[in-house]
Amino acid sequence: MYRPELVTLDKYVICEAEREWKVYNWLQHFTLDMLRSELEQHGLEIQATYSDLRGRPWADGDEMAVVIGLK
């Protein structure tokens, strides 16, 4: 992860017999405060946060999987 930007890069090299190309997939990571700020700019607010898709409650430090925002 590149800090303090909170981004990661997935780089893929695709090789075929006659050509090769590279794919760069930049992923932006967000803290809960960053997400809250992004949503509030559009009149949305966070209603719930979960650490996984099964609904396990989010705890500080978890890599959050689900955020529910409503207007």
PDB file of N, CA and C in Angstrom:
ATOM      1  N   MET A   1       0.853  -1.180   0.000  1.00  0.00           N
ATOM      2  CA  MET A   1       0.000   0.000   0.000  1.00  0.00           C
ATOM      3  C   MET A   1       0.892   1.235   0.000  1.00  0.00           C
ATOM      4  N   TYR A   2       0.500   2.197  -0.806  1.00  0.00           N
ATOM      5  CA  TYR A   2       1.192   3.480  -0.836  1.00  0.00           C
ATOM      6  C   TYR A   2       0.554   4.396   0.196  1.00  0.00           C
ATOM      7  N   ARG A   3       1.328   4.832   1.143  1.00  0.00           N
ATOM      8  CA  ARG A   3       0.837   5.743   2.176  1.00  0.00           C
ATOM      9  C   ARG A   3       1.457   7.091   1.944  1.00  0.00           C
ATOM     10  N   PRO A   4       0.878   8.215   2.258  1.00  0.00           N
ATOM     11  CA  PRO A   4      -0.397   8.361   2.951  1.00  0.00           C
ATOM     12  C   PRO A   4      -1.604   8.356   2.011  1.00  0.00           C
ATOM     13  N   GLU A   5      -1.397   8.056   0.740  1.00  0.00           N
ATOM     14  CA  GLU A   5      -2.488   8.119  -0.238  1.00  0.00           C
ATOM     15  C   GLU A   5      -3.517   7.005  -0.074  1.00  0.00           C
ATOM     16  N   LEU A   6      -3.170   5.936   0.640  1.00  0.00           N
ATOM     17  CA  LEU A   6      -4.059   4.793   0.851  1.00  0.00           C
ATOM     18  C   LEU A   6      -4.510   4.165  -0.465  1.00  0.00           C
ATOM     19  N   VAL A   7      -3.561   3.922  -1.348  1.00  0.00           N
ATOM     20  CA  VAL A   7      -3.864   3.243  -2.608  1.00  0.00           C
ATOM     21  C   VAL A   7      -2.963   2.014  -2.746  1.00  0.00           C
ATOM     22  N   THR A   8      -3.454   1.033  -3.473  1.00  0.00           N
ATOM     23  CA  THR A   8      -2.647  -0.127  -3.832  1.00  0.00           C
ATOM     24  C   THR A   8      -2.704  -0.300  -5.337  1.00  0.00           C
ATOM     25  N   LEU A   9      -1.727  -1.008  -5.851  1.00  0.00           N
ATOM     26  CA  LEU A   9      -1.652  -1.257  -7.283  1.00  0.00           C
ATOM     27  C   LEU A   9      -1.618  -2.752  -7.531  1.00  0.00           C
ATOM     28  N   ASP A  10      -2.552  -3.232  -8.351  1.00  0.00           N
ATOM     29  CA  ASP A  10      -2.497  -4.593  -8.878  1.00  0.00           C
ATOM     30  C   ASP A  10      -1.994  -4.465 -10.305  1.00  0.00           C
ATOM     31  N   LYS A  11      -0.867  -5.079 -10.582  1.00  0.00           N
ATOM     32  CA  LYS A  11      -0.287  -5.006 -11.933  1.00  0.00           C
ATOM     33  C   LYS A  11      -0.314  -6.399 -12.539  1.00  0.00           C
ATOM     34  N   TYR A  12      -0.817  -6.487 -13.745  1.00  0.00           N
ATOM     35  CA  TYR A  12      -0.895  -7.758 -14.460  1.00  0.00           C
ATOM     36  C   TYR A  12      -0.146  -7.634 -15.784  1.00  0.00           C
ATOM     37  N   VAL A  13       0.619  -8.641 -16.105  1.00  0.00           N
ATOM     38  CA  VAL A  13       1.271  -8.715 -17.407  1.00  0.00           C
ATOM     39  C   VAL A  13       0.618  -9.875 -18.151  1.00  0.00           C
ATOM     40  N   ILE A  14       0.029  -9.558 -19.276  1.00  0.00           N
ATOM     41  CA  ILE A  14      -0.681 -10.561 -20.070  1.00  0.00           C
ATOM     42  C   ILE A  14       0.204 -10.904 -21.272  1.00  0.00           C
ATOM     43  N   CYS A  15       0.558 -12.150 -21.362  1.00  0.00           N
ATOM     44  CA  CYS A  15       1.471 -12.596 -22.413  1.00  0.00           C
ATOM     45  C   CYS A  15       0.760 -13.558 -23.350  1.00  0.00           C
ATOM     46  N   GLU A  16       0.873 -13.265 -24.629  1.00  0.00           N
ATOM     47  CA  GLU A  16       0.393 -14.156 -25.669  1.00  0.00           C
ATOM     48  C   GLU A  16       1.573 -14.448 -26.587  1.00  0.00           C
ATOM     49  N   ALA A  17       1.404 -15.363 -27.484  1.00  0.00           N
ATOM     50  CA  ALA A  17       2.508 -15.755 -28.356  1.00  0.00           C
ATOM     51  C   ALA A  17       3.079 -14.567 -29.131  1.00  0.00           C
ATOM     52  N   GLU A  18       2.211 -13.655 -29.559  1.00  0.00           N
ATOM     53  CA  GLU A  18       2.669 -12.580 -30.428  1.00  0.00           C
ATOM     54  C   GLU A  18       2.635 -11.195 -29.805  1.00  0.00           C
ATOM     55  N   ARG A  19       2.163 -11.094 -28.553  1.00  0.00           N
ATOM     56  CA  ARG A  19       2.147  -9.776 -27.929  1.00  0.00           C
ATOM     57  C   ARG A  19       2.099  -9.901 -26.406  1.00  0.00           C
ATOM     58  N   GLU A  20       2.400  -8.794 -25.767  1.00  0.00           N
ATOM     59  CA  GLU A  20       2.375  -8.714 -24.306  1.00  0.00           C
ATOM     60  C   GLU A  20       1.905  -7.315 -23.935  1.00  0.00           C
ATOM     61  N   TRP A  21       1.063  -7.226 -22.930  1.00  0.00           N
ATOM     62  CA  TRP A  21       0.663  -5.918 -22.451  1.00  0.00           C
ATOM     63  C   TRP A  21       0.495  -5.937 -20.947  1.00  0.00           C
ATOM     64  N   LYS A  22       0.513  -4.737 -20.369  1.00  0.00           N
ATOM     65  CA  LYS A  22       0.417  -4.588 -18.922  1.00  0.00           C
ATOM     66  C   LYS A  22      -0.880  -3.887 -18.568  1.00  0.00           C
ATOM     67  N   VAL A  23      -1.496  -4.331 -17.476  1.00  0.00           N
ATOM     68  CA  VAL A  23      -2.720  -3.727 -16.962  1.00  0.00           C
ATOM     69  C   VAL A  23      -2.421  -3.252 -15.542  1.00  0.00           C
ATOM     70  N   TYR A  24      -2.715  -1.992 -15.263  1.00  0.00           N
ATOM     71  CA  TYR A  24      -2.513  -1.416 -13.938  1.00  0.00           C
ATOM     72  C   TYR A  24      -3.878  -1.109 -13.330  1.00  0.00           C
ATOM     73  N   ASN A  25      -4.153  -1.685 -12.191  1.00  0.00           N
ATOM     74  CA  ASN A  25      -5.435  -1.483 -11.519  1.00  0.00           C
ATOM     75  C   ASN A  25      -5.167  -0.823 -10.168  1.00  0.00           C
ATOM     76  N   TRP A  26      -5.377   0.492 -10.102  1.00  0.00           N
ATOM     77  CA  TRP A  26      -5.176   1.242  -8.868  1.00  0.00           C
ATOM     78  C   TRP A  26      -6.439   1.165  -8.024  1.00  0.00           C
ATOM     79  N   LEU A  27      -6.298   0.854  -6.736  1.00  0.00           N
ATOM     80  CA  LEU A  27      -7.429   0.729  -5.827  1.00  0.00           C
ATOM     81  C   LEU A  27      -7.293   1.754  -4.704  1.00  0.00           C
ATOM     82  N   GLN A  28      -8.315   2.557  -4.518  1.00  0.00           N
ATOM     83  CA  GLN A  28      -8.337   3.547  -3.445  1.00  0.00           C
ATOM     84  C   GLN A  28      -8.937   2.918  -2.196  1.00  0.00           C
ATOM     85  N   HIS A  29      -8.257   3.053  -1.081  1.00  0.00           N
ATOM     86  CA  HIS A  29      -8.760   2.567   0.204  1.00  0.00           C
ATOM     87  C   HIS A  29      -9.246   3.760   1.012  1.00  0.00           C
ATOM     88  N   PHE A  30     -10.255   3.539   1.845  1.00  0.00           N
ATOM     89  CA  PHE A  30     -10.848   4.612   2.627  1.00  0.00           C
ATOM     90  C   PHE A  30     -10.886   4.239   4.097  1.00  0.00           C
ATOM     91  N   THR A  31     -10.648   5.216   4.949  1.00  0.00           N
ATOM     92  CA  THR A  31     -10.950   5.046   6.362  1.00  0.00           C
ATOM     93  C   THR A  31     -12.430   5.348   6.539  1.00  0.00           C
ATOM     94  N   LEU A  32     -12.983   4.995   7.680  1.00  0.00           N
ATOM     95  CA  LEU A  32     -14.389   5.290   7.938  1.00  0.00           C
ATOM     96  C   LEU A  32     -14.635   6.796   7.898  1.00  0.00           C
ATOM     97  N   ASP A  33     -13.722   7.576   8.432  1.00  0.00           N
ATOM     98  CA  ASP A  33     -13.872   9.040   8.391  1.00  0.00           C
ATOM     99  C   ASP A  33     -13.828   9.572   6.965  1.00  0.00           C
ATOM    100  N   MET A  34     -12.969   9.002   6.130  1.00  0.00           N
ATOM    101  CA  MET A  34     -12.912   9.428   4.727  1.00  0.00           C
ATOM    102  C   MET A  34     -14.225   9.121   4.022  1.00  0.00           C
ATOM    103  N   LEU A  35     -14.775   7.922   4.255  1.00  0.00           N
ATOM    104  CA  LEU A  35     -16.057   7.565   3.645  1.00  0.00           C
ATOM    105  C   LEU A  35     -17.172   8.486   4.121  1.00  0.00           C
ATOM    106  N   ARG A  36     -17.188   8.744   5.407  1.00  0.00           N
ATOM    107  CA  ARG A  36     -18.213   9.631   5.977  1.00  0.00           C
ATOM    108  C   ARG A  36     -18.151  11.003   5.292  1.00  0.00           C
ATOM    109  N   SER A  37     -16.957  11.538   5.146  1.00  0.00           N
ATOM    110  CA  SER A  37     -16.782  12.839   4.501  1.00  0.00           C
ATOM    111  C   SER A  37     -17.258  12.820   3.048  1.00  0.00           C
ATOM    112  N   GLU A  38     -16.903  11.766   2.315  1.00  0.00           N
ATOM    113  CA  GLU A  38     -17.340  11.638   0.916  1.00  0.00           C
ATOM    114  C   GLU A  38     -18.859  11.598   0.815  1.00  0.00           C
ATOM    115  N   LEU A  39     -19.496  10.816   1.670  1.00  0.00           N
ATOM    116  CA  LEU A  39     -20.953  10.675   1.630  1.00  0.00           C
ATOM    117  C   LEU A  39     -21.664  11.961   2.034  1.00  0.00           C
ATOM    118  N   GLU A  40     -21.160  12.623   3.073  1.00  0.00           N
ATOM    119  CA  GLU A  40     -21.809  13.844   3.564  1.00  0.00           C
ATOM    120  C   GLU A  40     -21.829  14.938   2.505  1.00  0.00           C
ATOM    121  N   GLN A  41     -20.830  14.968   1.644  1.00  0.00           N
ATOM    122  CA  GLN A  41     -20.787  15.964   0.563  1.00  0.00           C
ATOM    123  C   GLN A  41     -21.975  15.816  -0.390  1.00  0.00           C
ATOM    124  N   HIS A  42     -22.606  14.657  -0.375  1.00  0.00           N
ATOM    125  CA  HIS A  42     -23.729  14.379  -1.274  1.00  0.00           C
ATOM    126  C   HIS A  42     -25.024  14.141  -0.515  1.00  0.00           C
ATOM    127  N   GLY A  43     -25.061  14.604   0.721  1.00  0.00           N
ATOM    128  CA  GLY A  43     -26.275  14.509   1.508  1.00  0.00           C
ATOM    129  C   GLY A  43     -26.579  13.115   2.036  1.00  0.00           C
ATOM    130  N   LEU A  44     -25.569  12.248   2.088  1.00  0.00           N
ATOM    131  CA  LEU A  44     -25.760  10.887   2.579  1.00  0.00           C
ATOM    132  C   LEU A  44     -25.096  10.729   3.936  1.00  0.00           C
ATOM    133  N   GLU A  45     -25.553   9.756   4.691  1.00  0.00           N
ATOM    134  CA  GLU A  45     -24.912   9.461   5.967  1.00  0.00           C
ATOM    135  C   GLU A  45     -24.786   7.961   6.150  1.00  0.00           C
ATOM    136  N   ILE A  46     -23.802   7.557   6.917  1.00  0.00           N
ATOM    137  CA  ILE A  46     -23.582   6.144   7.184  1.00  0.00           C
ATOM    138  C   ILE A  46     -24.611   5.672   8.199  1.00  0.00           C
ATOM    139  N   GLN A  47     -25.342   4.628   7.840  1.00  0.00           N
ATOM    140  CA  GLN A  47     -26.346   4.052   8.721  1.00  0.00           C
ATOM    141  C   GLN A  47     -25.830   2.817   9.450  1.00  0.00           C
ATOM    142  N   ALA A  48     -24.926   2.080   8.810  1.00  0.00           N
ATOM    143  CA  ALA A  48     -24.400   0.861   9.415  1.00  0.00           C
ATOM    144  C   ALA A  48     -23.059   0.518   8.795  1.00  0.00           C
ATOM    145  N   THR A  49     -22.222  -0.169   9.567  1.00  0.00           N
ATOM    146  CA  THR A  49     -20.938  -0.658   9.071  1.00  0.00           C
ATOM    147  C   THR A  49     -20.757  -2.097   9.545  1.00  0.00           C
ATOM    148  N   TYR A  50     -20.182  -2.899   8.681  1.00  0.00           N
ATOM    149  CA  TYR A  50     -19.943  -4.312   8.997  1.00  0.00           C
ATOM    150  C   TYR A  50     -18.551  -4.708   8.531  1.00  0.00           C
ATOM    151  N   SER A  51     -17.973  -5.686   9.212  1.00  0.00           N
ATOM    152  CA  SER A  51     -16.638  -6.157   8.850  1.00  0.00           C
ATOM    153  C   SER A  51     -16.661  -7.233   7.765  1.00  0.00           C
ATOM    154  N   ASP A  52     -17.817  -7.810   7.520  1.00  0.00           N
ATOM    155  CA  ASP A  52     -17.915  -8.815   6.469  1.00  0.00           C
ATOM    156  C   ASP A  52     -19.351  -8.860   5.947  1.00  0.00           C
ATOM    157  N   LEU A  53     -19.552  -9.654   4.947  1.00  0.00           N
ATOM    158  CA  LEU A  53     -20.874  -9.724   4.321  1.00  0.00           C
ATOM    159  C   LEU A  53     -21.883 -10.509   5.136  1.00  0.00           C
ATOM    160  N   ARG A  54     -21.451 -11.117   6.214  1.00  0.00           N
ATOM    161  CA  ARG A  54     -22.367 -11.833   7.106  1.00  0.00           C
ATOM    162  C   ARG A  54     -22.939 -10.919   8.183  1.00  0.00           C
ATOM    163  N   GLY A  55     -22.469  -9.683   8.242  1.00  0.00           N
ATOM    164  CA  GLY A  55     -22.999  -8.734   9.210  1.00  0.00           C
ATOM    165  C   GLY A  55     -22.256  -8.682  10.526  1.00  0.00           C
ATOM    166  N   ARG A  56     -21.022  -9.211  10.547  1.00  0.00           N
ATOM    167  CA  ARG A  56     -20.223  -9.122  11.777  1.00  0.00           C
ATOM    168  C   ARG A  56     -19.959  -7.656  12.074  1.00  0.00           C
ATOM    169  N   PRO A  57     -20.215  -7.205  13.296  1.00  0.00           N
ATOM    170  CA  PRO A  57     -20.040  -5.790  13.630  1.00  0.00           C
ATOM    171  C   PRO A  57     -18.621  -5.311  13.362  1.00  0.00           C
ATOM    172  N   TRP A  58     -18.527  -4.101  12.850  1.00  0.00           N
ATOM    173  CA  TRP A  58     -17.229  -3.505  12.554  1.00  0.00           C
ATOM    174  C   TRP A  58     -16.553  -3.090  13.844  1.00  0.00           C
ATOM    175  N   ALA A  59     -15.260  -3.375  13.926  1.00  0.00           N
ATOM    176  CA  ALA A  59     -14.443  -2.953  15.060  1.00  0.00           C
ATOM    177  C   ALA A  59     -13.284  -2.134  14.520  1.00  0.00           C
ATOM    178  N   ASP A  60     -12.879  -1.118  15.255  1.00  0.00           N
ATOM    179  CA  ASP A  60     -11.782  -0.256  14.820  1.00  0.00           C
ATOM    180  C   ASP A  60     -10.571  -1.106  14.440  1.00  0.00           C
ATOM    181  N   GLY A  61     -10.033  -0.862  13.265  1.00  0.00           N
ATOM    182  CA  GLY A  61      -8.894  -1.626  12.786  1.00  0.00           C
ATOM    183  C   GLY A  61      -9.258  -2.718  11.803  1.00  0.00           C
ATOM    184  N   ASP A  62     -10.533  -3.084  11.722  1.00  0.00           N
ATOM    185  CA  ASP A  62     -10.965  -4.087  10.755  1.00  0.00           C
ATOM    186  C   ASP A  62     -10.887  -3.514   9.346  1.00  0.00           C
ATOM    187  N   GLU A  63     -10.715  -4.395   8.386  1.00  0.00           N
ATOM    188  CA  GLU A  63     -10.844  -3.996   6.988  1.00  0.00           C
ATOM    189  C   GLU A  63     -12.315  -4.134   6.632  1.00  0.00           C
ATOM    190  N   MET A  64     -13.002  -3.016   6.611  1.00  0.00           N
ATOM    191  CA  MET A  64     -14.450  -3.013   6.447  1.00  0.00           C
ATOM    192  C   MET A  64     -14.853  -3.523   5.071  1.00  0.00           C
ATOM    193  N   ALA A  65     -15.879  -4.324   5.012  1.00  0.00           N
ATOM    194  CA  ALA A  65     -16.376  -4.859   3.758  1.00  0.00           C
ATOM    195  C   ALA A  65     -17.673  -4.197   3.324  1.00  0.00           C
ATOM    196  N   VAL A  66     -18.467  -3.707   4.271  1.00  0.00           N
ATOM    197  CA  VAL A  66     -19.799  -3.195   3.931  1.00  0.00           C
ATOM    198  C   VAL A  66     -20.057  -1.888   4.657  1.00  0.00           C
ATOM    199  N   VAL A  67     -20.536  -0.909   3.908  1.00  0.00           N
ATOM    200  CA  VAL A  67     -21.011   0.361   4.489  1.00  0.00           C
ATOM    201  C   VAL A  67     -22.378   0.622   3.883  1.00  0.00           C
ATOM    202  N   ILE A  68     -23.341   0.927   4.719  1.00  0.00           N
ATOM    203  CA  ILE A  68     -24.677   1.252   4.237  1.00  0.00           C
ATOM    204  C   ILE A  68     -24.897   2.726   4.460  1.00  0.00           C
ATOM    205  N   GLY A  69     -25.158   3.452   3.377  1.00  0.00           N
ATOM    206  CA  GLY A  69     -25.401   4.885   3.454  1.00  0.00           C
ATOM    207  C   GLY A  69     -26.775   5.213   2.901  1.00  0.00           C
ATOM    208  N   LEU A  70     -27.436   6.150   3.538  1.00  0.00           N
ATOM    209  CA  LEU A  70     -28.783   6.552   3.109  1.00  0.00           C
ATOM    210  C   LEU A  70     -28.870   8.069   3.056  1.00  0.00           C
ATOM    211  N   LYS A  71     -29.827   8.529   2.301  1.00  0.00           N
ATOM    212  CA  LYS A  71     -30.085   9.957   2.199  1.00  0.00           C
ATOM    213  C   LYS A  71     -31.196  10.343   3.120  1.00  0.00           C
TER     214      LYS A  71
END
